[in-house]
Amino acid sequence: MVRHMRTVRRRNQIETLVKYGHGIKVIFNKLKTTPEGPWNLRRDGNGKWIDFYDYGDHTAPTGWDVDHIRPKTIYTELEFDLSNLRALNWRDNIAKSNKFDYLDKTNHYEVLKHNPVIRQHHRKTKIRAGRQYNVYLNAKEQVTRICRVLEVDKGGHKVWVEHDRAKYWVYHDPILFVNMV
């Protein structure tokens, strides 16, 4: 009976919990319901099962946290923006930390919209392995670097480049590559 009371109290507290100015229930409900389970069981963006009532429980396999899609340390203006918040399995959230995947198509085009330097270019550069280009390493960059293309992975939307003996993956978008004259 005592354990049941604790569970009910915890569930009531979780249902009214607010993170970054939004109820966690609102953030959780951004995930689609699944026919396989009850309303409180959903798959996160990485396909892992999470349970609404396991919020903040880092011992449960279905535990989850509120994740900033674009890290709040880099995009401070988006810290409280609901469109930047998602429910994510706690292990994946810890592993992600404040990293941002510039190779993700959605992320790439979202960042590109806010970069006036790259946005002004309307080129369609043909990217070929073995050639050198002035390259924006990601959509947030404002300065190009001279890089040699090592590999073009069209299926994965990535280009492997080398700059000063360091190697980088760059999103396969011709707007990031400028032909050298």
Protein backbone atom coordinates (compact mmCIF):
# COMPACT_ATOMS: atom_id res chain seq x y z
CA MET A 1 0.00 0.00 0.00
CA VAL A 2 2.81 2.44 0.91
CA ARG A 3 4.69 1.62 -2.29
CA HIS A 4 1.51 2.18 -4.32
CA MET A 5 1.01 5.61 -2.67
CA ARG A 6 4.60 6.58 -3.52
CA THR A 7 4.08 5.51 -7.14
CA VAL A 8 0.83 7.51 -7.43
CA ARG A 9 2.47 10.60 -5.87
CA ARG A 10 5.48 10.31 -8.24
CA ARG A 11 3.17 9.94 -11.25
CA ASN A 12 1.18 13.03 -10.24
CA GLN A 13 4.41 15.02 -9.77
CA ILE A 14 5.71 13.96 -13.18
CA GLU A 15 2.46 14.88 -14.95
CA THR A 16 2.73 18.47 -13.71
CA LEU A 17 6.51 18.85 -14.05
CA VAL A 18 7.73 21.82 -16.13
CA LYS A 19 11.09 21.92 -17.96
CA TYR A 20 12.34 24.90 -19.96
CA GLY A 21 8.98 26.62 -19.63
CA HIS A 22 6.92 23.72 -20.98
CA GLY A 23 5.16 20.81 -19.32
CA ILE A 24 7.09 17.62 -19.95
CA LYS A 25 3.80 16.04 -21.00
CA VAL A 26 3.65 18.52 -23.91
CA ILE A 27 7.22 17.62 -24.89
CA PHE A 28 6.53 13.87 -24.56
CA ASN A 29 3.30 14.15 -26.59
CA LYS A 30 5.28 15.46 -29.57
CA LEU A 31 6.19 11.79 -30.10
CA LYS A 32 3.70 9.72 -32.04
CA THR A 33 1.66 7.11 -30.20
CA THR A 34 2.25 3.51 -31.17
CA PRO A 35 -0.42 0.86 -31.67
CA GLU A 36 1.72 -1.61 -29.70
CA GLY A 37 1.49 0.17 -26.38
CA PRO A 38 -0.44 2.43 -24.02
CA TRP A 39 -0.33 6.24 -24.25
CA ASN A 40 2.63 6.50 -21.89
CA LEU A 41 4.90 4.21 -23.95
CA ARG A 42 6.43 5.71 -27.12
CA ARG A 43 9.48 5.41 -29.34
CA ASP A 44 11.87 8.37 -29.27
CA GLY A 45 13.61 9.83 -32.32
CA ASN A 46 16.27 7.11 -32.18
CA GLY A 47 13.68 4.31 -32.04
CA LYS A 48 14.17 3.48 -28.35
CA TRP A 49 11.17 2.83 -26.10
CA ILE A 50 10.57 5.43 -23.41
CA ASP A 51 7.89 5.52 -20.73
CA PHE A 52 6.39 8.86 -19.74
CA TYR A 53 6.45 7.85 -16.07
CA ASP A 54 10.16 6.98 -16.23
CA TYR A 55 11.12 10.62 -16.82
CA GLY A 56 14.47 11.35 -15.15
CA ASP A 57 14.95 7.71 -14.08
CA HIS A 58 18.48 6.80 -15.14
CA THR A 59 18.11 3.24 -13.89
CA ALA A 60 15.15 2.28 -16.08
CA PRO A 61 15.75 1.10 -19.66
CA THR A 62 12.74 3.22 -20.69
CA GLY A 63 13.94 6.29 -18.76
CA TRP A 64 14.18 9.58 -20.62
CA ASP A 65 15.14 13.24 -20.39
CA VAL A 66 14.28 16.43 -22.22
CA ASP A 67 16.86 16.96 -24.96
CA HIS A 68 17.75 20.13 -26.85
CA ILE A 69 17.92 19.17 -30.52
CA ARG A 70 20.25 22.10 -31.14
CA PRO A 71 22.43 22.35 -28.01
CA LYS A 72 21.53 25.20 -25.66
CA THR A 73 25.24 25.92 -25.16
CA ILE A 74 25.57 26.79 -28.86
CA TYR A 75 22.04 28.06 -29.61
CA THR A 76 21.23 29.94 -26.41
CA GLU A 77 18.25 31.66 -28.03
CA LEU A 78 16.55 28.26 -28.50
CA GLU A 79 16.85 27.06 -24.88
CA PHE A 80 13.13 27.56 -24.16
CA ASP A 81 11.82 27.06 -27.71
CA LEU A 82 9.40 24.11 -27.79
CA SER A 83 10.40 23.24 -31.36
CA ASN A 84 13.96 22.63 -30.08
CA LEU A 85 12.90 20.28 -27.25
CA ARG A 86 12.28 16.54 -27.55
CA ALA A 87 11.93 13.47 -25.39
CA LEU A 88 15.01 11.25 -25.71
CA ASN A 89 16.20 8.07 -24.00
CA TRP A 90 18.47 9.10 -21.13
CA ARG A 91 21.46 7.10 -22.39
CA ASP A 92 21.27 8.70 -25.84
CA ASN A 93 20.86 12.14 -24.26
CA ILE A 94 24.02 11.69 -22.19
CA ALA A 95 25.95 10.34 -25.20
CA LYS A 96 24.78 13.25 -27.36
CA SER A 97 25.78 15.80 -24.72
CA ASN A 98 26.01 19.18 -26.46
CA LYS A 99 26.97 17.77 -29.86
CA PHE A 100 25.13 18.86 -32.99
CA ASP A 101 24.95 16.67 -36.08
CA TYR A 102 25.72 18.94 -39.02
CA LEU A 103 25.54 15.90 -41.33
CA ASP A 104 21.82 15.49 -40.59
CA LYS A 105 19.80 16.85 -43.53
CA THR A 106 17.20 18.65 -41.38
CA ASN A 107 19.86 20.22 -39.15
CA HIS A 108 21.94 21.23 -42.17
CA TYR A 109 19.15 23.15 -43.88
CA GLU A 110 17.90 24.69 -40.64
CA VAL A 111 21.36 26.13 -39.85
CA LEU A 112 21.88 27.15 -43.47
CA LYS A 113 18.77 29.36 -43.31
CA HIS A 114 20.46 31.47 -40.61
CA ASN A 115 23.85 31.86 -42.30
CA PRO A 116 23.83 35.00 -44.47
CA VAL A 117 27.35 34.37 -45.84
CA ILE A 118 26.59 30.97 -47.38
CA ARG A 119 22.97 31.76 -48.21
CA GLN A 120 24.00 34.40 -50.73
CA HIS A 121 25.71 31.75 -52.90
CA HIS A 122 23.62 30.11 -55.59
CA ARG A 123 26.18 27.78 -57.08
CA LYS A 124 25.90 24.16 -58.07
CA THR A 125 29.48 22.95 -57.78
CA LYS A 126 30.16 19.44 -59.05
CA ILE A 127 31.99 17.67 -56.20
CA ARG A 128 34.63 15.14 -57.29
CA ALA A 129 37.10 13.03 -55.34
CA GLY A 130 40.74 14.11 -55.64
CA ARG A 131 39.96 17.79 -56.38
CA GLN A 132 40.55 20.79 -54.14
CA TYR A 133 37.81 23.22 -53.13
CA ASN A 134 37.27 26.08 -50.75
CA VAL A 135 34.90 24.40 -48.30
CA TYR A 136 32.56 25.52 -45.54
CA LEU A 137 32.93 22.54 -43.16
CA ASN A 138 29.32 22.94 -42.02
CA ALA A 139 26.38 25.23 -42.56
CA LYS A 140 27.30 27.42 -39.58
CA GLU A 141 30.81 28.25 -40.86
CA GLN A 142 31.43 31.74 -42.24
CA VAL A 143 34.92 31.10 -43.62
CA THR A 144 36.06 28.52 -46.16
CA ARG A 145 39.06 26.25 -45.82
CA ILE A 146 41.10 24.77 -48.63
CA CYS A 147 40.25 21.07 -48.63
CA ARG A 148 40.94 18.07 -50.81
CA VAL A 149 37.98 15.75 -51.38
CA LEU A 150 38.92 12.20 -50.43
CA GLU A 151 35.58 10.46 -50.97
CA VAL A 152 32.05 11.34 -52.05
CA ASP A 153 29.36 9.23 -50.38
CA LYS A 154 26.25 10.27 -52.30
CA GLY A 155 24.04 7.62 -50.68
CA GLY A 156 24.92 8.84 -47.19
CA HIS A 157 24.91 12.53 -48.17
CA LYS A 158 28.48 13.01 -46.91
CA VAL A 159 31.80 14.10 -48.37
CA TRP A 160 35.08 13.10 -46.71
CA VAL A 161 37.58 16.00 -46.96
CA GLU A 162 41.08 16.72 -45.70
CA HIS A 163 42.34 20.09 -44.46
CA ASP A 164 45.83 20.50 -42.89
CA ARG A 165 46.11 16.73 -42.39
CA ALA A 166 42.83 16.63 -40.45
CA LYS A 167 39.86 14.80 -41.97
CA TYR A 168 36.22 15.88 -41.77
CA TRP A 169 32.83 14.72 -42.96
CA VAL A 170 30.95 17.52 -44.73
CA TYR A 171 27.30 17.42 -45.73
CA HIS A 172 26.96 16.69 -49.46
CA ASP A 173 25.53 20.07 -50.50
CA PRO A 174 27.21 21.88 -53.41
CA ILE A 175 26.56 25.23 -51.74
CA LEU A 176 29.29 24.37 -49.18
CA PHE A 177 31.90 23.84 -51.91
CA VAL A 178 33.50 26.64 -53.95
CA ASN A 179 35.58 25.78 -57.03
CA MET A 180 39.13 27.01 -56.79
CA VAL A 181 40.18 29.28 -59.64
